[in-house]
Amino acid sequence: MNQMKQQSKQNEPSMVLSDEERQPCEVWTRVMGYHRPVASFNIGKKGEHAERQFFQEACAHLNH
C-alpha cells in the first residue's frame, strides 16, 4: 500500500504558485475557551503562542 502512495505521488505533476497567486493562511487557536485568529493577538500573546510546546499524552493504564 505504501508503494502505491509513493508511485501516485511520483506521477502527480508538481504545482508551483507565483507570489501573486498565493494568499495568506490564517491561523486560529483556542484561548480562554474560545477560538481567535493569532493575527489579532497583541505582541505578548504572540510570544506566548510561539513558545508553546506540543506533546503527546501517553495512554493511561488501569490497574485492577
PDB file of N, CA and C in Angstrom:
ATOM      1  N   MET A   1       0.829  -1.195   0.000  1.00  0.00           N
ATOM      2  CA  MET A   1       0.000   0.000   0.000  1.00  0.00           C
ATOM      3  C   MET A   1       0.871   1.255   0.000  1.00  0.00           C
ATOM      4  N   ASN A   2       1.934   1.236   0.781  1.00  0.00           N
ATOM      5  CA  ASN A   2       2.817   2.385   0.853  1.00  0.00           C
ATOM      6  C   ASN A   2       3.472   2.669  -0.493  1.00  0.00           C
ATOM      7  N   GLN A   3       3.816   1.608  -1.230  1.00  0.00           N
ATOM      8  CA  GLN A   3       4.416   1.777  -2.549  1.00  0.00           C
ATOM      9  C   GLN A   3       3.441   2.435  -3.508  1.00  0.00           C
ATOM     10  N   MET A   4       2.147   2.114  -3.380  1.00  0.00           N
ATOM     11  CA  MET A   4       1.143   2.714  -4.247  1.00  0.00           C
ATOM     12  C   MET A   4       1.068   4.218  -4.011  1.00  0.00           C
ATOM     13  N   LYS A   5       1.144   4.628  -2.742  1.00  0.00           N
ATOM     14  CA  LYS A   5       1.110   6.055  -2.433  1.00  0.00           C
ATOM     15  C   LYS A   5       2.323   6.764  -3.016  1.00  0.00           C
ATOM     16  N   GLN A   6       3.495   6.147  -2.897  1.00  0.00           N
ATOM     17  CA  GLN A   6       4.707   6.754  -3.424  1.00  0.00           C
ATOM     18  C   GLN A   6       4.639   6.858  -4.940  1.00  0.00           C
ATOM     19  N   GLN A   7       4.124   5.822  -5.603  1.00  0.00           N
ATOM     20  CA  GLN A   7       4.015   5.849  -7.057  1.00  0.00           C
ATOM     21  C   GLN A   7       3.033   6.913  -7.514  1.00  0.00           C
ATOM     22  N   SER A   8       1.908   7.071  -6.796  1.00  0.00           N
ATOM     23  CA  SER A   8       0.930   8.068  -7.209  1.00  0.00           C
ATOM     24  C   SER A   8       1.483   9.475  -7.020  1.00  0.00           C
ATOM     25  N   LYS A   9       2.307   9.682  -5.988  1.00  0.00           N
ATOM     26  CA  LYS A   9       2.922  10.998  -5.784  1.00  0.00           C
ATOM     27  C   LYS A   9       3.927  11.309  -6.876  1.00  0.00           C
ATOM     28  N   GLN A  10       4.638  10.286  -7.354  1.00  0.00           N
ATOM     29  CA  GLN A  10       5.620  10.490  -8.410  1.00  0.00           C
ATOM     30  C   GLN A  10       4.940  10.845  -9.720  1.00  0.00           C
ATOM     31  N   ASN A  11       3.743  10.351  -9.942  1.00  0.00           N
ATOM     32  CA  ASN A  11       3.032  10.599 -11.195  1.00  0.00           C
ATOM     33  C   ASN A  11       2.299  11.934 -11.207  1.00  0.00           C
ATOM     34  N   GLU A  12       2.108  12.535 -10.050  1.00  0.00           N
ATOM     35  CA  GLU A  12       1.403  13.807  -9.980  1.00  0.00           C
ATOM     36  C   GLU A  12       2.324  14.940 -10.422  1.00  0.00           C
ATOM     37  N   PRO A  13       1.812  15.851 -11.231  1.00  0.00           N
ATOM     38  CA  PRO A  13       2.639  16.998 -11.614  1.00  0.00           C
ATOM     39  C   PRO A  13       2.819  17.928 -10.412  1.00  0.00           C
ATOM     40  N   SER A  14       3.999  18.499 -10.289  1.00  0.00           N
ATOM     41  CA  SER A  14       4.230  19.417  -9.170  1.00  0.00           C
ATOM     42  C   SER A  14       3.619  20.769  -9.512  1.00  0.00           C
ATOM     43  N   MET A  15       3.040  21.402  -8.502  1.00  0.00           N
ATOM     44  CA  MET A  15       2.371  22.678  -8.708  1.00  0.00           C
ATOM     45  C   MET A  15       3.209  23.784  -8.068  1.00  0.00           C
ATOM     46  N   VAL A  16       3.500  24.809  -8.823  1.00  0.00           N
ATOM     47  CA  VAL A  16       4.269  25.935  -8.319  1.00  0.00           C
ATOM     48  C   VAL A  16       3.432  27.192  -8.518  1.00  0.00           C
ATOM     49  N   LEU A  17       3.220  27.925  -7.433  1.00  0.00           N
ATOM     50  CA  LEU A  17       2.440  29.159  -7.500  1.00  0.00           C
ATOM     51  C   LEU A  17       3.366  30.363  -7.446  1.00  0.00           C
ATOM     52  N   SER A  18       3.016  31.387  -8.197  1.00  0.00           N
ATOM     53  CA  SER A  18       3.765  32.634  -8.099  1.00  0.00           C
ATOM     54  C   SER A  18       3.285  33.385  -6.853  1.00  0.00           C
ATOM     55  N   ASP A  19       4.024  34.374  -6.427  1.00  0.00           N
ATOM     56  CA  ASP A  19       3.649  35.148  -5.241  1.00  0.00           C
ATOM     57  C   ASP A  19       2.289  35.821  -5.406  1.00  0.00           C
ATOM     58  N   GLU A  20       1.934  36.209  -6.633  1.00  0.00           N
ATOM     59  CA  GLU A  20       0.648  36.855  -6.883  1.00  0.00           C
ATOM     60  C   GLU A  20      -0.511  35.877  -6.698  1.00  0.00           C
ATOM     61  N   GLU A  21      -0.274  34.596  -6.913  1.00  0.00           N
ATOM     62  CA  GLU A  21      -1.323  33.583  -6.790  1.00  0.00           C
ATOM     63  C   GLU A  21      -1.513  33.092  -5.356  1.00  0.00           C
ATOM     64  N   ARG A  22      -0.560  33.374  -4.500  1.00  0.00           N
ATOM     65  CA  ARG A  22      -0.626  32.898  -3.123  1.00  0.00           C
ATOM     66  C   ARG A  22      -1.530  33.796  -2.281  1.00  0.00           C
ATOM     67  N   GLN A  23      -2.067  33.224  -1.210  1.00  0.00           N
ATOM     68  CA  GLN A  23      -2.850  34.001  -0.260  1.00  0.00           C
ATOM     69  C   GLN A  23      -2.403  33.619   1.149  1.00  0.00           C
ATOM     70  N   PRO A  24      -2.509  34.534   2.096  1.00  0.00           N
ATOM     71  CA  PRO A  24      -2.054  34.223   3.452  1.00  0.00           C
ATOM     72  C   PRO A  24      -2.942  33.168   4.114  1.00  0.00           C
ATOM     73  N   CYS A  25      -2.342  32.379   4.961  1.00  0.00           N
ATOM     74  CA  CYS A  25      -3.056  31.352   5.711  1.00  0.00           C
ATOM     75  C   CYS A  25      -3.357  31.915   7.099  1.00  0.00           C
ATOM     76  N   GLU A  26      -4.605  31.936   7.478  1.00  0.00           N
ATOM     77  CA  GLU A  26      -4.987  32.468   8.787  1.00  0.00           C
ATOM     78  C   GLU A  26      -4.966  31.336   9.812  1.00  0.00           C
ATOM     79  N   VAL A  27      -4.182  31.517  10.866  1.00  0.00           N
ATOM     80  CA  VAL A  27      -4.046  30.507  11.914  1.00  0.00           C
ATOM     81  C   VAL A  27      -4.914  30.910  13.091  1.00  0.00           C
ATOM     82  N   TRP A  28      -5.746  29.981  13.553  1.00  0.00           N
ATOM     83  CA  TRP A  28      -6.602  30.208  14.711  1.00  0.00           C
ATOM     84  C   TRP A  28      -6.159  29.301  15.842  1.00  0.00           C
ATOM     85  N   THR A  29      -6.392  29.725  17.061  1.00  0.00           N
ATOM     86  CA  THR A  29      -6.084  28.902  18.221  1.00  0.00           C
ATOM     87  C   THR A  29      -7.123  29.142  19.310  1.00  0.00           C
ATOM     88  N   ARG A  30      -7.192  28.232  20.244  1.00  0.00           N
ATOM     89  CA  ARG A  30      -8.157  28.344  21.330  1.00  0.00           C
ATOM     90  C   ARG A  30      -7.530  29.101  22.489  1.00  0.00           C
ATOM     91  N   VAL A  31      -8.199  30.172  22.914  1.00  0.00           N
ATOM     92  CA  VAL A  31      -7.731  30.994  24.030  1.00  0.00           C
ATOM     93  C   VAL A  31      -8.908  31.243  24.955  1.00  0.00           C
ATOM     94  N   MET A  32      -8.722  30.931  26.219  1.00  0.00           N
ATOM     95  CA  MET A  32      -9.745  31.186  27.243  1.00  0.00           C
ATOM     96  C   MET A  32     -11.106  30.590  26.856  1.00  0.00           C
ATOM     97  N   GLY A  33     -11.094  29.417  26.228  1.00  0.00           N
ATOM     98  CA  GLY A  33     -12.331  28.715  25.931  1.00  0.00           C
ATOM     99  C   GLY A  33     -12.982  29.061  24.610  1.00  0.00           C
ATOM    100  N   TYR A  34     -12.413  29.945  23.836  1.00  0.00           N
ATOM    101  CA  TYR A  34     -12.986  30.237  22.519  1.00  0.00           C
ATOM    102  C   TYR A  34     -11.856  30.398  21.503  1.00  0.00           C
ATOM    103  N   HIS A  35     -12.181  30.350  20.231  1.00  0.00           N
ATOM    104  CA  HIS A  35     -11.183  30.410  19.166  1.00  0.00           C
ATOM    105  C   HIS A  35     -11.003  31.832  18.664  1.00  0.00           C
ATOM    106  N   ARG A  36      -9.735  32.197  18.427  1.00  0.00           N
ATOM    107  CA  ARG A  36      -9.390  33.529  17.908  1.00  0.00           C
ATOM    108  C   ARG A  36      -8.267  33.406  16.898  1.00  0.00           C
ATOM    109  N   PRO A  37      -8.211  34.303  15.918  1.00  0.00           N
ATOM    110  CA  PRO A  37      -7.084  34.284  14.983  1.00  0.00           C
ATOM    111  C   PRO A  37      -5.822  34.794  15.666  1.00  0.00           C
ATOM    112  N   VAL A  38      -4.701  34.133  15.412  1.00  0.00           N
ATOM    113  CA  VAL A  38      -3.431  34.517  16.022  1.00  0.00           C
ATOM    114  C   VAL A  38      -3.031  35.923  15.571  1.00  0.00           C
ATOM    115  N   ALA A  39      -3.407  36.320  14.385  1.00  0.00           N
ATOM    116  CA  ALA A  39      -3.045  37.648  13.870  1.00  0.00           C
ATOM    117  C   ALA A  39      -3.619  38.770  14.731  1.00  0.00           C
ATOM    118  N   SER A  40      -4.693  38.505  15.478  1.00  0.00           N
ATOM    119  CA  SER A  40      -5.297  39.557  16.300  1.00  0.00           C
ATOM    120  C   SER A  40      -4.666  39.649  17.685  1.00  0.00           C
ATOM    121  N   PHE A  41      -3.704  38.771  18.005  1.00  0.00           N
ATOM    122  CA  PHE A  41      -3.055  38.797  19.321  1.00  0.00           C
ATOM    123  C   PHE A  41      -2.158  40.021  19.462  1.00  0.00           C
ATOM    124  N   ASN A  42      -2.001  40.475  20.710  1.00  0.00           N
ATOM    125  CA  ASN A  42      -1.014  41.520  20.967  1.00  0.00           C
ATOM    126  C   ASN A  42       0.372  40.877  20.992  1.00  0.00           C
ATOM    127  N   ILE A  43       1.419  41.687  21.103  1.00  0.00           N
ATOM    128  CA  ILE A  43       2.783  41.174  20.986  1.00  0.00           C
ATOM    129  C   ILE A  43       3.106  40.151  22.072  1.00  0.00           C
ATOM    130  N   GLY A  44       2.596  40.343  23.275  1.00  0.00           N
ATOM    131  CA  GLY A  44       2.849  39.398  24.359  1.00  0.00           C
ATOM    132  C   GLY A  44       2.200  38.057  24.120  1.00  0.00           C
ATOM    133  N   LYS A  45       0.960  38.065  23.684  1.00  0.00           N
ATOM    134  CA  LYS A  45       0.241  36.818  23.418  1.00  0.00           C
ATOM    135  C   LYS A  45       0.846  36.092  22.212  1.00  0.00           C
ATOM    136  N   LYS A  46       1.325  36.846  21.200  1.00  0.00           N
ATOM    137  CA  LYS A  46       2.003  36.217  20.062  1.00  0.00           C
ATOM    138  C   LYS A  46       3.277  35.513  20.525  1.00  0.00           C
ATOM    139  N   GLY A  47       3.992  36.115  21.465  1.00  0.00           N
ATOM    140  CA  GLY A  47       5.195  35.493  22.018  1.00  0.00           C
ATOM    141  C   GLY A  47       4.869  34.213  22.765  1.00  0.00           C
ATOM    142  N   GLU A  48       3.796  34.239  23.567  1.00  0.00           N
ATOM    143  CA  GLU A  48       3.367  33.037  24.283  1.00  0.00           C
ATOM    144  C   GLU A  48       2.990  31.929  23.299  1.00  0.00           C
ATOM    145  N   HIS A  49       2.294  32.296  22.250  1.00  0.00           N
ATOM    146  CA  HIS A  49       1.885  31.309  21.245  1.00  0.00           C
ATOM    147  C   HIS A  49       3.108  30.678  20.583  1.00  0.00           C
ATOM    148  N   ALA A  50       4.137  31.473  20.296  1.00  0.00           N
ATOM    149  CA  ALA A  50       5.343  30.962  19.649  1.00  0.00           C
ATOM    150  C   ALA A  50       6.122  30.021  20.570  1.00  0.00           C
ATOM    151  N   GLU A  51       5.997  30.200  21.885  1.00  0.00           N
ATOM    152  CA  GLU A  51       6.741  29.379  22.844  1.00  0.00           C
ATOM    153  C   GLU A  51       6.004  28.097  23.249  1.00  0.00           C
ATOM    154  N   ARG A  52       4.814  27.886  22.745  1.00  0.00           N
ATOM    155  CA  ARG A  52       4.062  26.688  23.118  1.00  0.00           C
ATOM    156  C   ARG A  52       4.819  25.424  22.745  1.00  0.00           C
ATOM    157  N   GLN A  53       4.700  24.426  23.604  1.00  0.00           N
ATOM    158  CA  GLN A  53       5.316  23.126  23.345  1.00  0.00           C
ATOM    159  C   GLN A  53       4.205  22.099  23.181  1.00  0.00           C
ATOM    160  N   PHE A  54       4.295  21.319  22.118  1.00  0.00           N
ATOM    161  CA  PHE A  54       3.296  20.304  21.859  1.00  0.00           C
ATOM    162  C   PHE A  54       3.781  18.972  22.413  1.00  0.00           C
ATOM    163  N   PHE A  55       2.876  18.161  22.877  1.00  0.00           N
ATOM    164  CA  PHE A  55       3.226  16.873  23.442  1.00  0.00           C
ATOM    165  C   PHE A  55       2.153  15.862  23.089  1.00  0.00           C
ATOM    166  N   GLN A  56       2.513  14.606  23.217  1.00  0.00           N
ATOM    167  CA  GLN A  56       1.545  13.528  23.055  1.00  0.00           C
ATOM    168  C   GLN A  56       1.416  12.835  24.396  1.00  0.00           C
ATOM    169  N   GLU A  57       0.201  12.771  24.863  1.00  0.00           N
ATOM    170  CA  GLU A  57      -0.057  12.156  26.164  1.00  0.00           C
ATOM    171  C   GLU A  57      -0.077  10.639  26.002  1.00  0.00           C
ATOM    172  N   ALA A  58       0.599   9.961  26.914  1.00  0.00           N
ATOM    173  CA  ALA A  58       0.633   8.504  26.878  1.00  0.00           C
ATOM    174  C   ALA A  58      -0.728   7.962  27.326  1.00  0.00           C
ATOM    175  N   CYS A  59      -1.051   6.772  26.875  1.00  0.00           N
ATOM    176  CA  CYS A  59      -2.307   6.122  27.266  1.00  0.00           C
ATOM    177  C   CYS A  59      -2.267   5.772  28.752  1.00  0.00           C
ATOM    178  N   ALA A  60      -3.382   5.910  29.388  1.00  0.00           N
ATOM    179  CA  ALA A  60      -3.486   5.548  30.801  1.00  0.00           C
ATOM    180  C   ALA A  60      -3.701   4.036  30.916  1.00  0.00           C
ATOM    181  N   HIS A  61      -3.038   3.436  31.874  1.00  0.00           N
ATOM    182  CA  HIS A  61      -3.184   2.002  32.133  1.00  0.00           C
ATOM    183  C   HIS A  61      -3.868   1.827  33.472  1.00  0.00           C
ATOM    184  N   LEU A  62      -4.944   1.060  33.479  1.00  0.00           N
ATOM    185  CA  LEU A  62      -5.696   0.820  34.701  1.00  0.00           C
ATOM    186  C   LEU A  62      -5.167  -0.432  35.388  1.00  0.00           C
ATOM    187  N   ASN A  63      -4.964  -0.333  36.691  1.00  0.00           N
ATOM    188  CA  ASN A  63      -4.565  -1.493  37.484  1.00  0.00           C
ATOM    189  C   ASN A  63      -5.770  -2.021  38.226  1.00  0.00           C
ATOM    190  N   HIS A  64      -6.062  -3.270  38.028  1.00  0.00           N
ATOM    191  CA  HIS A  64      -7.225  -3.875  38.708  1.00  0.00           C
ATOM    192  C   HIS A  64      -6.781  -4.659  39.895  1.00  0.00           C
TER     193      HIS A  64
END
